[in-house]
Amino acid sequence: MLTKALKGRDFISLMDFNKEELETIFDVAFNLKRKVALGEPQDNLLKNKTLAMIFANPSTRTRTSFEAAMTQLGGHAQFHTPEVMQIAHHETWIDTARVLDRYVDGIMIRMYGLEKYGQAREILKLMSANANIPLFNALDDKEHPFQIMADIMTMIEKLGPNWKSKKIVMSWAYSGRVKSAGVPQTMAIAASLLGMNLTLAYPEKYDVDPEYMAFANNAAEKSGAKINIVHDVFDAAKDADVIYAKSWGSFLMTKEEDTEYRKQFKEDWKISRKHFDLAKKQAIFMHCLPADRNLEVTDEIIDGPMSVVYDEAENRLHTEKAILALSMK
């Protein structure tokens, strides 16, 4: 296990990690999950450590799971929003990072949807460059790394020892809201590093960031991963072991153009029984939540026996604990 290699590391992009490091995180996450099941204490791992959490965007799972994670590990999490920090009075992100560096042991930031794509990532990088403590990306406009780690932990649990060879479909799904492509982009990186069999399914014009696909294709050559792209959701669903629904926006259109263009895909790209009729008999449904019910997915599927969305949500806690413990110890 490469535990020493992870000490003090930022967790901003999965592109900064290799296969062995990601597998170490999973090993630790499963161990910590077993400890919870057995009632074994974990509060010595980050005793008296403090995590500052900056939420520029709303959250349910991220805030709750990170606070619970720090409590279970023996530490403390502070909740902040830019509106109640001096950032609201134009203090710079540089000064914010340098001050927090003197008080706490790690900084977690959730920030996306700014005026320009990539702007949130630049703020995260600026904060990282001005703090000696680790910085954690709890969703920016490019990636959602903690979510994908929980997703893959769930796949390992549900699909068994040959999980890497199973057909994982990350499918675009309809929503009236134009959302970040961070989930499919991060999944492509993880799949390429770990050697997974991933199908990205989306209508024309919903390509993900070329930077991420270039990295994924290069890494896949080394790991043996299979990364396919299809533009027919029914073709993608055939023999799928996992159908993961997620809406995201287009780089090729304005939000106004995107909102109008996507309406033609409203029915076909709403994951439903007709998609699971094409998938493997024991196929599972995944979604990072919150789901736009009866837009991204029907109630029958998300509430059905194929759905593992709440197991997936629980695993956010365990993967977060692993990453925090490895980095902040």
Protein backbone atom coordinates (compact mmCIF):
# COMPACT_ATOMS: atom_id res chain seq x y z
CA MET A 1 0.00 0.00 0.00
CA LEU A 2 1.25 3.45 -0.92
CA THR A 3 0.06 5.23 2.21
CA LYS A 4 3.13 7.44 2.61
CA ALA A 5 2.82 8.64 -0.98
CA LEU A 6 -0.62 10.06 -0.19
CA LYS A 7 0.31 11.98 2.96
CA GLY A 8 -0.17 15.71 2.54
CA ARG A 9 -1.49 15.37 -1.01
CA ASP A 10 -4.20 17.54 -2.52
CA PHE A 11 -7.21 15.71 -3.92
CA ILE A 12 -8.23 18.00 -6.77
CA SER A 13 -8.05 15.86 -9.90
CA LEU A 14 -7.84 12.12 -10.44
CA MET A 15 -5.35 12.89 -13.18
CA ASP A 16 -2.86 13.55 -10.36
CA PHE A 17 -3.03 9.93 -9.16
CA ASN A 18 -2.03 6.53 -10.49
CA LYS A 19 -3.68 3.14 -10.36
CA GLU A 20 -1.86 1.96 -7.24
CA GLU A 21 -2.71 5.12 -5.32
CA LEU A 22 -6.41 4.85 -6.18
CA GLU A 23 -6.44 1.18 -5.21
CA THR A 24 -4.83 2.07 -1.86
CA ILE A 25 -7.68 4.50 -1.21
CA PHE A 26 -10.22 1.76 -1.94
CA ASP A 27 -8.43 -0.66 0.37
CA VAL A 28 -8.53 1.85 3.20
CA ALA A 29 -12.17 2.77 2.49
CA PHE A 30 -13.26 -0.87 2.70
CA ASN A 31 -11.30 -1.31 5.91
CA LEU A 32 -12.93 1.75 7.47
CA LYS A 33 -16.37 0.58 6.35
CA ARG A 34 -15.76 -2.80 8.03
CA LYS A 35 -14.74 -0.98 11.22
CA VAL A 36 -18.07 0.86 11.21
CA ALA A 37 -19.94 -2.44 10.79
CA LEU A 38 -18.01 -3.99 13.68
CA GLY A 39 -18.31 -0.96 15.92
CA GLU A 40 -14.55 -0.52 16.07
CA PRO A 41 -13.26 2.97 16.90
CA GLN A 42 -11.61 5.13 14.24
CA ASP A 43 -11.40 8.36 16.19
CA ASN A 44 -7.65 8.13 16.65
CA LEU A 45 -6.91 8.65 12.95
CA LEU A 46 -7.49 12.41 12.78
CA LYS A 47 -7.80 13.27 16.47
CA ASN A 48 -7.82 17.05 17.01
CA LYS A 49 -7.52 17.73 13.27
CA THR A 50 -9.74 20.38 11.68
CA LEU A 51 -11.13 20.55 8.15
CA ALA A 52 -12.38 23.91 6.84
CA MET A 53 -15.22 23.35 4.37
CA ILE A 54 -16.05 26.17 1.94
CA PHE A 55 -19.38 25.74 0.18
CA ALA A 56 -19.98 28.16 -2.68
CA ASN A 57 -22.85 25.92 -3.87
CA PRO A 58 -25.65 23.97 -2.17
CA SER A 59 -25.06 20.49 -0.85
CA THR A 60 -26.79 17.64 0.96
CA ARG A 61 -24.56 14.56 0.68
CA THR A 62 -21.23 16.37 0.56
CA ARG A 63 -21.66 18.50 3.66
CA THR A 64 -23.27 15.77 5.73
CA SER A 65 -20.79 13.06 4.75
CA PHE A 66 -17.69 15.23 5.24
CA GLU A 67 -18.85 16.40 8.66
CA ALA A 68 -19.66 12.84 9.67
CA ALA A 69 -16.33 11.66 8.28
CA MET A 70 -14.32 14.10 10.36
CA THR A 71 -16.34 13.28 13.49
CA GLN A 72 -15.85 9.52 13.04
CA LEU A 73 -12.11 10.05 12.49
CA GLY A 74 -11.84 12.07 15.70
CA GLY A 75 -11.56 15.50 14.08
CA HIS A 76 -13.79 18.48 13.44
CA ALA A 77 -15.29 20.07 10.32
CA GLN A 78 -16.07 23.78 10.01
CA PHE A 79 -18.80 24.96 7.62
CA HIS A 80 -18.16 28.19 5.70
CA THR A 81 -19.78 30.00 2.80
CA PRO A 82 -18.21 32.89 0.85
CA GLU A 83 -21.13 35.11 1.91
CA VAL A 84 -20.13 34.97 5.57
CA MET A 85 -16.37 35.09 4.97
CA GLN A 86 -14.34 38.20 4.14
CA ILE A 87 -14.37 37.01 0.54
CA ALA A 88 -17.73 38.78 0.47
CA HIS A 89 -15.80 42.01 1.14
CA HIS A 90 -13.29 41.24 -1.63
CA GLU A 91 -10.56 39.56 0.39
CA THR A 92 -8.53 37.54 -2.08
CA TRP A 93 -8.52 33.77 -2.32
CA ILE A 94 -4.74 33.98 -1.78
CA ASP A 95 -5.13 35.68 1.60
CA THR A 96 -7.97 33.33 2.51
CA ALA A 97 -5.75 30.31 1.83
CA ARG A 98 -2.80 31.72 3.74
CA VAL A 99 -4.91 32.50 6.80
CA LEU A 100 -6.72 29.15 6.85
CA ASP A 101 -3.33 27.46 6.54
CA ARG A 102 -2.46 28.84 9.99
CA TYR A 103 -5.67 27.55 11.62
CA VAL A 104 -6.70 24.21 10.14
CA ASP A 105 -5.27 20.97 8.77
CA GLY A 106 -7.12 20.76 5.46
CA ILE A 107 -9.40 22.79 3.19
CA MET A 108 -12.37 21.37 1.28
CA ILE A 109 -14.01 23.49 -1.44
CA ARG A 110 -17.23 22.98 -3.40
CA MET A 111 -17.45 25.54 -6.21
CA TYR A 112 -18.88 25.35 -9.71
CA GLY A 113 -21.08 27.22 -12.18
CA LEU A 114 -18.99 30.38 -12.32
CA GLU A 115 -19.03 32.66 -15.33
CA LYS A 116 -16.30 30.81 -17.21
CA TYR A 117 -15.62 27.07 -17.48
CA GLY A 118 -12.43 26.29 -15.58
CA GLN A 119 -12.65 29.36 -13.36
CA ALA A 120 -13.43 27.34 -10.24
CA ARG A 121 -10.49 25.02 -10.93
CA GLU A 122 -8.18 28.04 -11.15
CA ILE A 123 -9.37 29.20 -7.72
CA LEU A 124 -8.74 25.73 -6.27
CA LYS A 125 -5.23 25.71 -7.75
CA LEU A 126 -4.57 29.21 -6.44
CA MET A 127 -5.68 28.17 -2.96
CA SER A 128 -3.51 25.08 -3.13
CA ALA A 129 -0.46 27.09 -4.17
CA ASN A 130 -0.89 29.36 -1.15
CA ALA A 131 -1.53 26.76 1.55
CA ASN A 132 0.81 24.08 2.83
CA ILE A 133 -2.11 21.92 3.97
CA PRO A 134 -4.01 19.57 1.61
CA LEU A 135 -6.89 20.90 -0.45
CA PHE A 136 -9.87 18.73 -1.39
CA ASN A 137 -12.11 19.23 -4.42
CA ALA A 138 -15.70 18.50 -3.41
CA LEU A 139 -16.93 19.35 -6.94
CA ASP A 140 -15.73 22.02 -9.30
CA ASP A 141 -16.67 22.73 -12.89
CA LYS A 142 -14.33 20.05 -14.25
CA GLU A 143 -14.47 17.09 -11.86
CA HIS A 144 -16.29 15.42 -8.99
CA PRO A 145 -13.50 13.15 -7.72
CA PHE A 146 -14.98 12.16 -4.35
CA GLN A 147 -18.22 11.11 -6.03
CA ILE A 148 -16.47 8.89 -8.56
CA MET A 149 -14.41 7.19 -5.87
CA ALA A 150 -17.67 6.32 -4.07
CA ASP A 151 -19.20 5.16 -7.36
CA ILE A 152 -16.37 2.78 -8.08
CA MET A 153 -16.33 1.45 -4.52
CA THR A 154 -20.02 0.62 -5.06
CA MET A 155 -19.25 -1.13 -8.35
CA ILE A 156 -16.58 -3.23 -6.65
CA GLU A 157 -19.12 -4.27 -4.00
CA LYS A 158 -21.97 -5.01 -6.38
CA LEU A 159 -20.18 -6.51 -9.41
CA GLY A 160 -17.70 -8.82 -7.71
CA PRO A 161 -14.06 -9.69 -8.42
CA ASN A 162 -14.37 -9.27 -12.19
CA TRP A 163 -15.87 -5.79 -11.90
CA LYS A 164 -13.34 -4.19 -14.23
CA SER A 165 -14.51 -6.30 -17.17
CA LYS A 166 -18.20 -5.48 -16.64
CA LYS A 167 -19.91 -3.10 -19.07
CA ILE A 168 -20.33 0.23 -17.30
CA VAL A 169 -22.54 2.71 -19.14
CA MET A 170 -22.31 6.37 -18.17
CA SER A 171 -25.37 7.76 -19.91
CA TRP A 172 -26.38 11.34 -20.53
CA ALA A 173 -29.91 11.87 -19.29
CA TYR A 174 -32.44 14.60 -19.82
CA SER A 175 -32.83 17.45 -17.36
CA GLY A 176 -34.19 20.93 -17.80
CA ARG A 177 -31.12 22.28 -16.02
CA VAL A 178 -27.74 22.53 -17.74
CA LYS A 179 -25.31 20.81 -15.36
CA SER A 180 -21.57 20.27 -15.12
CA ALA A 181 -19.89 17.44 -17.02
CA GLY A 182 -17.67 16.77 -13.99
CA VAL A 183 -19.09 13.31 -13.27
CA PRO A 184 -18.57 11.75 -16.73
CA GLN A 185 -15.20 13.46 -17.09
CA THR A 186 -13.95 12.09 -13.78
CA MET A 187 -15.37 8.64 -14.53
CA ALA A 188 -13.47 8.57 -17.82
CA ILE A 189 -10.22 9.33 -15.98
CA ALA A 190 -10.85 6.72 -13.28
CA ALA A 191 -11.83 4.06 -15.82
CA SER A 192 -8.74 4.69 -17.89
CA LEU A 193 -6.39 4.44 -14.90
CA LEU A 194 -8.02 1.36 -13.38
CA GLY A 195 -8.54 -0.64 -16.59
CA MET A 196 -12.34 -0.54 -16.68
CA ASN A 197 -14.82 -1.21 -19.49
CA LEU A 198 -16.63 2.12 -19.85
CA THR A 199 -19.17 3.25 -22.41
CA LEU A 200 -19.96 6.95 -22.55
CA ALA A 201 -23.39 7.41 -24.12
CA TYR A 202 -24.65 10.84 -25.08
CA PRO A 203 -26.45 12.62 -27.92
CA GLU A 204 -24.45 14.47 -30.55
CA LYS A 205 -23.00 17.76 -29.23
CA TYR A 206 -22.67 16.54 -25.65
CA ASP A 207 -19.01 15.57 -25.89
CA VAL A 208 -17.00 15.96 -22.72
CA ASP A 209 -13.89 18.12 -22.39
CA PRO A 210 -11.30 17.01 -25.01
CA GLU A 211 -8.54 17.37 -22.40
CA TYR A 212 -10.15 14.61 -20.35
CA MET A 213 -10.73 12.32 -23.30
CA ALA A 214 -7.12 12.76 -24.46
CA PHE A 215 -5.85 11.79 -21.00
CA ALA A 216 -8.29 8.87 -20.78
CA ASN A 217 -7.39 7.47 -24.18
CA ASN A 218 -3.68 7.67 -23.42
CA ALA A 219 -4.05 6.07 -19.98
CA ALA A 220 -6.32 3.36 -21.40
CA GLU A 221 -3.57 2.22 -23.75
CA LYS A 222 -1.39 1.53 -20.73
CA SER A 223 -4.01 0.01 -18.43
CA GLY A 224 -5.96 -2.00 -20.99
CA ALA A 225 -9.16 -0.06 -20.29
CA LYS A 226 -11.89 0.00 -22.92
CA ILE A 227 -13.51 3.38 -23.41
CA ASN A 228 -16.24 3.53 -26.02
CA ILE A 229 -18.44 6.42 -27.11
CA VAL A 230 -21.92 5.87 -28.55
CA HIS A 231 -24.72 8.26 -29.43
CA ASP A 232 -27.61 5.80 -29.16
CA VAL A 233 -28.78 5.15 -25.60
CA PHE A 234 -30.53 1.90 -26.54
CA ASP A 235 -27.41 0.55 -28.19
CA ALA A 236 -25.43 1.50 -25.09
CA ALA A 237 -27.91 -0.27 -22.80
CA LYS A 238 -27.52 -3.63 -24.56
CA ASP A 239 -25.85 -6.12 -22.19
CA ALA A 240 -24.94 -3.37 -19.74
CA ASP A 241 -24.02 -4.40 -16.20
CA VAL A 242 -24.39 -0.83 -14.92
CA ILE A 243 -26.46 2.03 -16.26
CA TYR A 244 -25.43 5.28 -14.64
CA ALA A 245 -27.65 8.25 -15.52
CA LYS A 246 -26.31 11.80 -15.38
CA SER A 247 -27.33 14.96 -17.18
CA TRP A 248 -24.66 17.39 -18.33
CA GLY A 249 -24.33 20.41 -20.56
CA SER A 250 -22.70 21.00 -23.94
CA PHE A 251 -19.46 22.85 -24.61
CA LEU A 252 -20.66 23.55 -28.13
CA MET A 253 -23.74 25.61 -27.24
CA THR A 254 -24.78 28.45 -25.00
CA LYS A 255 -27.02 27.51 -22.06
CA GLU A 256 -30.00 28.96 -23.92
CA GLU A 257 -29.24 26.95 -27.05
CA ASP A 258 -28.60 23.82 -24.98
CA THR A 259 -31.88 24.15 -23.09
CA GLU A 260 -33.80 24.19 -26.37
CA TYR A 261 -31.70 21.58 -28.21
CA ARG A 262 -31.98 18.93 -25.49
CA LYS A 263 -35.78 18.85 -25.55
CA GLN A 264 -35.75 16.43 -28.49
CA PHE A 265 -34.01 13.81 -26.29
CA LYS A 266 -36.44 14.08 -23.38
CA GLU A 267 -38.08 10.67 -23.73
CA ASP A 268 -35.42 8.39 -25.24
CA TRP A 269 -32.72 9.52 -22.80
CA LYS A 270 -34.85 9.17 -19.66
CA ILE A 271 -33.59 5.91 -18.17
CA SER A 272 -36.55 3.56 -17.82
CA ARG A 273 -37.68 -0.05 -17.98
CA LYS A 274 -37.10 -0.15 -21.75
CA HIS A 275 -33.39 0.44 -21.18
CA PHE A 276 -33.11 -2.19 -18.46
CA ASP A 277 -34.93 -4.70 -20.67
CA LEU A 278 -31.86 -4.47 -22.93
CA ALA A 279 -29.32 -4.69 -20.12
CA LYS A 280 -28.08 -7.76 -18.28
CA LYS A 281 -30.64 -9.40 -16.02
CA GLN A 282 -28.79 -8.39 -12.85
CA ALA A 283 -27.81 -4.91 -14.09
CA ILE A 284 -27.77 -2.12 -11.54
CA PHE A 285 -28.81 1.51 -11.76
CA MET A 286 -26.57 4.28 -10.44
CA HIS A 287 -26.93 8.03 -10.04
CA CYS A 288 -24.85 10.49 -8.02
CA LEU A 289 -27.99 12.27 -6.70
CA PRO A 290 -29.87 14.51 -6.55
CA ALA A 291 -31.81 12.96 -9.42
CA ASP A 292 -34.37 14.77 -11.51
CA ARG A 293 -37.02 12.11 -11.10
CA ASN A 294 -39.05 11.25 -14.18
CA LEU A 295 -36.70 13.38 -16.26
CA GLU A 296 -33.30 11.67 -15.85
CA VAL A 297 -34.83 8.42 -14.61
CA THR A 298 -38.28 7.00 -13.91
CA ASP A 299 -39.46 6.31 -10.37
CA GLU A 300 -39.79 2.64 -11.33
CA ILE A 301 -36.04 2.39 -11.86
CA ILE A 302 -34.63 4.61 -9.12
CA ASP A 303 -36.95 3.00 -6.56
CA GLY A 304 -36.66 -0.48 -8.05
CA PRO A 305 -34.54 -3.49 -7.05
CA MET A 306 -31.89 -2.58 -9.61
CA SER A 307 -31.17 0.76 -7.91
CA VAL A 308 -28.11 1.09 -5.67
CA VAL A 309 -28.19 4.88 -5.37
CA TYR A 310 -28.37 4.93 -1.56
CA ASP A 311 -25.53 2.42 -1.17
CA GLU A 312 -23.63 4.67 -3.56
CA ALA A 313 -24.43 7.70 -1.43
CA GLU A 314 -23.31 5.90 1.74
CA ASN A 315 -19.97 5.08 0.17
CA ARG A 316 -19.25 8.79 -0.12
CA LEU A 317 -18.67 8.66 3.64
CA HIS A 318 -16.22 5.76 3.50
CA THR A 319 -14.14 6.96 0.55
CA GLU A 320 -14.00 10.47 1.99
CA LYS A 321 -12.76 9.09 5.29
CA ALA A 322 -10.06 7.12 3.51
CA ILE A 323 -8.83 10.12 1.54
CA LEU A 324 -8.95 12.48 4.51
CA ALA A 325 -7.16 10.01 6.78
CA LEU A 326 -4.44 9.24 4.24
CA SER A 327 -3.82 12.87 3.38
CA MET A 328 -4.29 14.65 6.72
CA LYS A 329 -2.72 12.12 9.08
